[in-house]
Amino acid sequence: FSPEDGKEIKCEVPIIGVLDNEAISARIDLLVIKKDEILIVDYKTDKITSGDIPESYSNQLKTYENLVKKIYKTRVRTAILWVEDFKLDFLP
C-alpha cells in the first residue's frame, strides 16, 4: 500500500453481525480501507512458523472477512501479522 492509494487505516475496529443465524461480536486489530479493496490484519504473538497457520486463526479471519463483506461491497483480503517475527502472512 502506498500513500497514493487513498486509504484509511483503523485500529481496534469493533464489528458486530450475524452469520449463519449466529450473532458475532469481534474486534479487528487493523483495517485498511482502500477504494477498491479492504485488508484485515490480525496480530498474533505465537511463535508459529510463517505459513503454518492454525485452523482456528483461519476460521477467525474468515469470520471477519464475511462480516466486513456485508458492510463493504468490495474485495476483502486477510492477513496475520506475526508480531514475534514481524512477518505478514496473507490467507488464501
C-alpha atoms as a PDB file:
ATOM      1  CA  PHE A   1       0.000   0.000   0.000  1.00  0.00           C
ATOM      2  CA  SER A   2       1.309   3.397  -0.876  1.00  0.00           C
ATOM      3  CA  PRO A   3       0.152   6.854   0.268  1.00  0.00           C
ATOM      4  CA  GLU A   4      -1.364   7.446  -3.172  1.00  0.00           C
ATOM      5  CA  ASP A   5      -3.857   4.608  -2.665  1.00  0.00           C
ATOM      6  CA  GLY A   6      -6.311   6.883  -0.859  1.00  0.00           C
ATOM      7  CA  LYS A   7      -6.509   4.519   2.065  1.00  0.00           C
ATOM      8  CA  GLU A   8      -7.964   4.838   5.518  1.00  0.00           C
ATOM      9  CA  ILE A   9      -6.346   2.901   8.371  1.00  0.00           C
ATOM     10  CA  LYS A  10      -8.282   1.974  11.500  1.00  0.00           C
ATOM     11  CA  CYS A  11      -7.119   0.092  14.594  1.00  0.00           C
ATOM     12  CA  GLU A  12      -9.130  -1.972  17.065  1.00  0.00           C
ATOM     13  CA  VAL A  13     -12.307  -1.818  14.979  1.00  0.00           C
ATOM     14  CA  PRO A  14     -15.386  -3.315  16.651  1.00  0.00           C
ATOM     15  CA  ILE A  15     -17.593  -5.342  14.341  1.00  0.00           C
ATOM     16  CA  ILE A  16     -20.973  -6.910  15.026  1.00  0.00           C
ATOM     17  CA  GLY A  17     -23.098  -9.007  12.727  1.00  0.00           C
ATOM     18  CA  VAL A  18     -24.969 -12.225  12.101  1.00  0.00           C
ATOM     19  CA  LEU A  19     -23.525 -15.199  10.208  1.00  0.00           C
ATOM     20  CA  ASP A  20     -25.390 -18.487   9.852  1.00  0.00           C
ATOM     21  CA  ASN A  21     -28.020 -17.279  12.359  1.00  0.00           C
ATOM     22  CA  GLU A  22     -25.311 -16.656  14.971  1.00  0.00           C
ATOM     23  CA  ALA A  23     -24.655 -13.219  16.457  1.00  0.00           C
ATOM     24  CA  ILE A  24     -20.962 -12.314  16.262  1.00  0.00           C
ATOM     25  CA  SER A  25     -19.162  -9.539  18.118  1.00  0.00           C
ATOM     26  CA  ALA A  26     -15.450  -9.088  17.486  1.00  0.00           C
ATOM     27  CA  ARG A  27     -12.639  -6.569  17.251  1.00  0.00           C
ATOM     28  CA  ILE A  28     -10.421  -6.300  14.178  1.00  0.00           C
ATOM     29  CA  ASP A  29      -6.826  -5.367  15.032  1.00  0.00           C
ATOM     30  CA  LEU A  30      -6.160  -3.431  11.828  1.00  0.00           C
ATOM     31  CA  LEU A  31      -8.473  -2.489   8.971  1.00  0.00           C
ATOM     32  CA  VAL A  32      -7.072  -0.846   5.843  1.00  0.00           C
ATOM     33  CA  ILE A  33      -9.812   0.592   3.658  1.00  0.00           C
ATOM     34  CA  LYS A  34      -8.972   1.409   0.059  1.00  0.00           C
ATOM     35  CA  LYS A  35     -11.378   2.403  -2.685  1.00  0.00           C
ATOM     36  CA  ASP A  36     -11.099  -0.996  -4.386  1.00  0.00           C
ATOM     37  CA  GLU A  37     -10.314  -3.397  -1.518  1.00  0.00           C
ATOM     38  CA  ILE A  38     -10.220  -3.917   2.232  1.00  0.00           C
ATOM     39  CA  LEU A  39      -7.347  -5.512   4.143  1.00  0.00           C
ATOM     40  CA  ILE A  40      -7.948  -7.108   7.534  1.00  0.00           C
ATOM     41  CA  VAL A  41      -4.843  -7.770   9.639  1.00  0.00           C
ATOM     42  CA  ASP A  42      -4.886  -9.778  12.854  1.00  0.00           C
ATOM     43  CA  TYR A  43      -1.910  -9.614  15.205  1.00  0.00           C
ATOM     44  CA  LYS A  44      -0.618 -12.871  16.703  1.00  0.00           C
ATOM     45  CA  THR A  45       2.125 -13.232  19.293  1.00  0.00           C
ATOM     46  CA  ASP A  46       2.507 -17.019  18.925  1.00  0.00           C
ATOM     47  CA  LYS A  47       5.824 -18.445  17.813  1.00  0.00           C
ATOM     48  CA  ILE A  48       4.477 -20.283  14.794  1.00  0.00           C
ATOM     49  CA  THR A  49       6.373 -20.907  11.606  1.00  0.00           C
ATOM     50  CA  SER A  50       5.257 -18.461   8.973  1.00  0.00           C
ATOM     51  CA  GLY A  51       2.865 -20.167   6.576  1.00  0.00           C
ATOM     52  CA  ASP A  52       1.799 -22.745   9.189  1.00  0.00           C
ATOM     53  CA  ILE A  53      -1.463 -21.053  10.171  1.00  0.00           C
ATOM     54  CA  PRO A  54      -3.662 -22.883  12.705  1.00  0.00           C
ATOM     55  CA  GLU A  55      -7.203 -23.619  11.520  1.00  0.00           C
ATOM     56  CA  SER A  56      -8.692 -21.609  14.397  1.00  0.00           C
ATOM     57  CA  TYR A  57      -6.892 -18.486  13.137  1.00  0.00           C
ATOM     58  CA  SER A  58      -8.015 -19.114   9.557  1.00  0.00           C
ATOM     59  CA  ASN A  59     -11.597 -19.540  10.759  1.00  0.00           C
ATOM     60  CA  GLN A  60     -11.377 -16.346  12.820  1.00  0.00           C
ATOM     61  CA  LEU A  61     -10.204 -14.321   9.837  1.00  0.00           C
ATOM     62  CA  LYS A  62     -12.794 -15.910   7.548  1.00  0.00           C
ATOM     63  CA  THR A  63     -15.465 -14.767  10.007  1.00  0.00           C
ATOM     64  CA  TYR A  64     -14.058 -11.224   9.967  1.00  0.00           C
ATOM     65  CA  GLU A  65     -13.919 -11.327   6.163  1.00  0.00           C
ATOM     66  CA  ASN A  66     -17.555 -12.431   5.870  1.00  0.00           C
ATOM     67  CA  LEU A  67     -18.734  -9.726   8.285  1.00  0.00           C
ATOM     68  CA  VAL A  68     -16.769  -6.994   6.509  1.00  0.00           C
ATOM     69  CA  LYS A  69     -18.082  -8.139   3.102  1.00  0.00           C
ATOM     70  CA  LYS A  70     -21.609  -7.492   4.368  1.00  0.00           C
ATOM     71  CA  ILE A  71     -20.657  -3.863   5.016  1.00  0.00           C
ATOM     72  CA  TYR A  72     -18.297  -3.084   2.145  1.00  0.00           C
ATOM     73  CA  LYS A  73     -19.244  -4.443  -1.252  1.00  0.00           C
ATOM     74  CA  THR A  74     -15.651  -4.857  -2.425  1.00  0.00           C
ATOM     75  CA  ARG A  75     -12.760  -7.309  -2.376  1.00  0.00           C
ATOM     76  CA  VAL A  76     -11.550  -8.268   1.104  1.00  0.00           C
ATOM     77  CA  ARG A  77      -8.131  -9.761   1.888  1.00  0.00           C
ATOM     78  CA  THR A  78      -6.989 -11.106   5.239  1.00  0.00           C
ATOM     79  CA  ALA A  79      -3.557 -11.485   6.787  1.00  0.00           C
ATOM     80  CA  ILE A  80      -1.859 -12.373  10.040  1.00  0.00           C
ATOM     81  CA  LEU A  81       0.989 -10.271  11.361  1.00  0.00           C
ATOM     82  CA  TRP A  82       3.281 -12.481  13.454  1.00  0.00           C
ATOM     83  CA  VAL A  83       4.495  -9.919  15.976  1.00  0.00           C
ATOM     84  CA  GLU A  84       7.435 -12.020  17.200  1.00  0.00           C
ATOM     85  CA  ASP A  85       8.968 -12.234  13.699  1.00  0.00           C
ATOM     86  CA  PHE A  86       7.280  -9.165  12.182  1.00  0.00           C
ATOM     87  CA  LYS A  87       6.112 -11.331   9.251  1.00  0.00           C
ATOM     88  CA  LEU A  88       2.889 -10.862   7.352  1.00  0.00           C
ATOM     89  CA  ASP A  89       1.096 -13.953   6.003  1.00  0.00           C
ATOM     90  CA  PHE A  90      -1.815 -13.456   3.642  1.00  0.00           C
ATOM     91  CA  LEU A  91      -4.559 -16.051   3.814  1.00  0.00           C
ATOM     92  CA  PRO A  92      -5.987 -17.577   0.640  1.00  0.00           C
END
